[in-house]
Amino acid sequence: MSTVELTPGRNVLGGPLRACSYDPITGYFRDGCCRTRRDDTGLHVVCVKVTADFLAFSMKIGNDLSTPRPEWRFPGLKPGQRWCLCASRWLEAWKAGVAPPVSLEGTHERALDVIPLDVLQAFAIQPVKPDQG
C-alpha cells in the first residue's frame, strides 16, 4: 500500500470535485480532474479556461504551455481549453492582471491554501443554467 494518498475530491465550494477536461486530458494524474496528493509540489488544483494572454504570460516567465511535450503526455494548450493549473501560477497571473477564468466546481479545495475564495469567485466561469440551452 502506498504511503502517498490522494487528497479527497472536494471543490472550493465544498461540493464534489467535477472533472476539468478530458480533451485535452488534464490533471496531475492525467485523469481529467484537478486532484492532488502530497507529492504534487506544484499543487495542480485550479481548473482554468486558458486565454491567449495567460499563455503568453506563462511563456514569458519560462513555462511554455503552448508547445506539445509528448514525453510528458502534454498536448500543448490553445486558448479556450481547460487545464489544471498550479495554484501559485494562477495567483502569479492574477497579480500580473492575466489570470484565466476558473471553474469553481472543478477546482480542488486545496487551492484555498494559496488563493482566497473571493478572488477565485471573481474569476468564476458561470455555469450554463438548464433553461439557457
Protein backbone atom coordinates (compact mmCIF):
# COMPACT_ATOMS: atom_id res chain seq x y z
CA MET A 1 0.00 0.00 0.00
CA SER A 2 1.27 3.46 -0.94
CA THR A 3 2.09 5.95 1.80
CA VAL A 4 1.22 8.80 -0.58
CA GLU A 5 -2.55 9.08 -0.54
CA LEU A 6 -4.79 11.15 -2.76
CA THR A 7 -6.43 14.21 -1.28
CA PRO A 8 -10.24 13.75 -1.21
CA GLY A 9 -12.11 15.21 -4.14
CA ARG A 10 -13.93 18.28 -2.82
CA ASN A 11 -14.11 21.55 -4.71
CA VAL A 12 -13.66 25.10 -3.39
CA LEU A 13 -17.42 25.39 -2.90
CA GLY A 14 -17.48 22.30 -0.66
CA GLY A 15 -19.17 20.04 -3.19
CA PRO A 16 -17.85 17.05 -5.12
CA LEU A 17 -14.90 17.80 -7.39
CA ARG A 18 -16.04 17.86 -11.01
CA ALA A 19 -13.89 16.92 -13.99
CA CYS A 20 -11.92 19.76 -15.55
CA SER A 21 -11.07 18.39 -19.01
CA TYR A 22 -10.78 15.14 -20.88
CA ASP A 23 -9.75 16.85 -24.14
CA PRO A 24 -7.02 17.62 -23.52
CA ILE A 25 -6.71 15.17 -20.66
CA THR A 26 -5.58 17.19 -17.66
CA GLY A 27 -4.69 16.84 -14.01
CA TYR A 28 -1.62 15.83 -12.07
CA PHE A 29 -2.69 12.22 -12.67
CA ARG A 30 -3.88 12.88 -16.25
CA ASP A 31 -7.33 11.65 -15.28
CA GLY A 32 -9.31 14.77 -16.18
CA CYS A 33 -9.60 16.09 -12.61
CA CYS A 34 -7.63 18.61 -10.58
CA ARG A 35 -6.93 16.11 -7.79
CA THR A 36 -3.74 16.21 -5.74
CA ARG A 37 -1.64 14.42 -3.17
CA ARG A 38 1.35 15.30 -1.02
CA ASP A 39 3.96 14.72 -3.73
CA ASP A 40 2.22 17.21 -6.07
CA THR A 41 4.55 20.03 -5.10
CA GLY A 42 3.07 22.31 -7.78
CA LEU A 43 -0.43 21.86 -6.37
CA HIS A 44 -2.12 21.43 -9.80
CA VAL A 45 -5.60 22.16 -8.46
CA VAL A 46 -7.08 25.19 -10.25
CA CYS A 47 -9.33 24.30 -13.19
CA VAL A 48 -8.98 27.12 -15.70
CA LYS A 49 -10.05 28.00 -19.22
CA VAL A 50 -6.77 29.23 -20.69
CA THR A 51 -6.59 32.51 -22.56
CA ALA A 52 -4.10 33.82 -25.11
CA ASP A 53 -2.94 36.47 -22.61
CA PHE A 54 -2.32 33.85 -19.93
CA LEU A 55 -0.44 31.55 -22.33
CA ALA A 56 1.77 34.46 -23.43
CA PHE A 57 2.42 35.40 -19.79
CA SER A 58 3.28 31.83 -18.89
CA MET A 59 5.71 31.55 -21.79
CA LYS A 60 7.31 34.88 -20.90
CA ILE A 61 8.10 33.66 -17.38
CA GLY A 62 9.56 30.40 -18.63
CA ASN A 63 6.63 27.96 -18.53
CA ASP A 64 5.69 27.20 -22.15
CA LEU A 65 2.22 25.70 -22.04
CA SER A 66 1.62 26.02 -25.79
CA THR A 67 4.22 23.61 -27.17
CA PRO A 68 3.32 19.91 -27.17
CA ARG A 69 5.56 17.71 -24.99
CA PRO A 70 4.53 14.09 -25.74
CA GLU A 71 7.10 12.69 -23.33
CA TRP A 72 5.07 14.28 -20.52
CA ARG A 73 1.72 13.43 -22.12
CA PHE A 74 1.25 17.16 -22.67
CA PRO A 75 -0.53 18.19 -25.89
CA GLY A 76 0.20 21.92 -25.73
CA LEU A 77 -2.68 24.24 -24.93
CA LYS A 78 -4.77 26.57 -27.07
CA PRO A 79 -6.98 29.42 -25.86
CA GLY A 80 -10.36 28.14 -24.70
CA GLN A 81 -9.12 24.77 -23.47
CA ARG A 82 -9.40 23.80 -19.82
CA TRP A 83 -6.40 22.78 -17.75
CA CYS A 84 -5.46 22.06 -14.13
CA LEU A 85 -3.11 24.87 -13.26
CA CYS A 86 -0.76 25.22 -10.29
CA ALA A 87 -2.37 27.39 -7.62
CA SER A 88 0.74 29.55 -7.22
CA ARG A 89 0.93 30.13 -11.02
CA TRP A 90 -2.71 31.22 -11.11
CA LEU A 91 -2.07 33.62 -8.24
CA GLU A 92 1.00 34.97 -10.03
CA ALA A 93 -1.06 35.51 -13.20
CA TRP A 94 -3.76 37.23 -11.14
CA LYS A 95 -1.20 39.65 -9.70
CA ALA A 96 0.01 40.33 -13.27
CA GLY A 97 -3.55 41.00 -14.48
CA VAL A 98 -3.79 37.96 -16.78
CA ALA A 99 -5.48 35.30 -14.63
CA PRO A 100 -7.61 32.91 -16.70
CA PRO A 101 -11.24 32.16 -15.79
CA VAL A 102 -11.81 29.44 -13.20
CA SER A 103 -14.26 26.54 -12.96
CA LEU A 104 -15.07 26.58 -9.25
CA GLU A 105 -16.70 23.14 -9.43
CA GLY A 106 -13.53 21.71 -10.98
CA THR A 107 -11.09 23.48 -8.65
CA HIS A 108 -9.88 21.40 -5.72
CA GLU A 109 -10.38 22.79 -2.20
CA ARG A 110 -6.60 22.79 -1.66
CA ALA A 111 -6.47 25.87 -3.93
CA LEU A 112 -7.80 27.76 -0.90
CA ASP A 113 -4.43 27.15 0.80
CA VAL A 114 -2.99 29.62 -1.73
CA ILE A 115 -5.86 31.70 -3.17
CA PRO A 116 -8.74 33.34 -1.27
CA LEU A 117 -12.20 32.09 -2.29
CA ASP A 118 -13.47 35.59 -3.09
CA VAL A 119 -10.63 36.06 -5.58
CA LEU A 120 -11.45 32.75 -7.29
CA GLN A 121 -15.15 33.64 -7.33
CA ALA A 122 -14.38 36.92 -9.11
CA PHE A 123 -12.94 34.85 -11.98
CA ALA A 124 -15.57 32.11 -11.99
CA ILE A 125 -16.79 30.64 -15.25
CA GLN A 126 -20.54 30.92 -14.95
CA PRO A 127 -22.24 27.55 -15.38
CA VAL A 128 -24.93 27.32 -18.03
CA LYS A 129 -28.36 27.12 -16.43
CA PRO A 130 -30.69 24.39 -17.72
CA ASP A 131 -33.09 26.93 -19.22
CA GLN A 132 -30.28 28.68 -21.18
CA GLY A 133 -29.85 25.77 -23.66
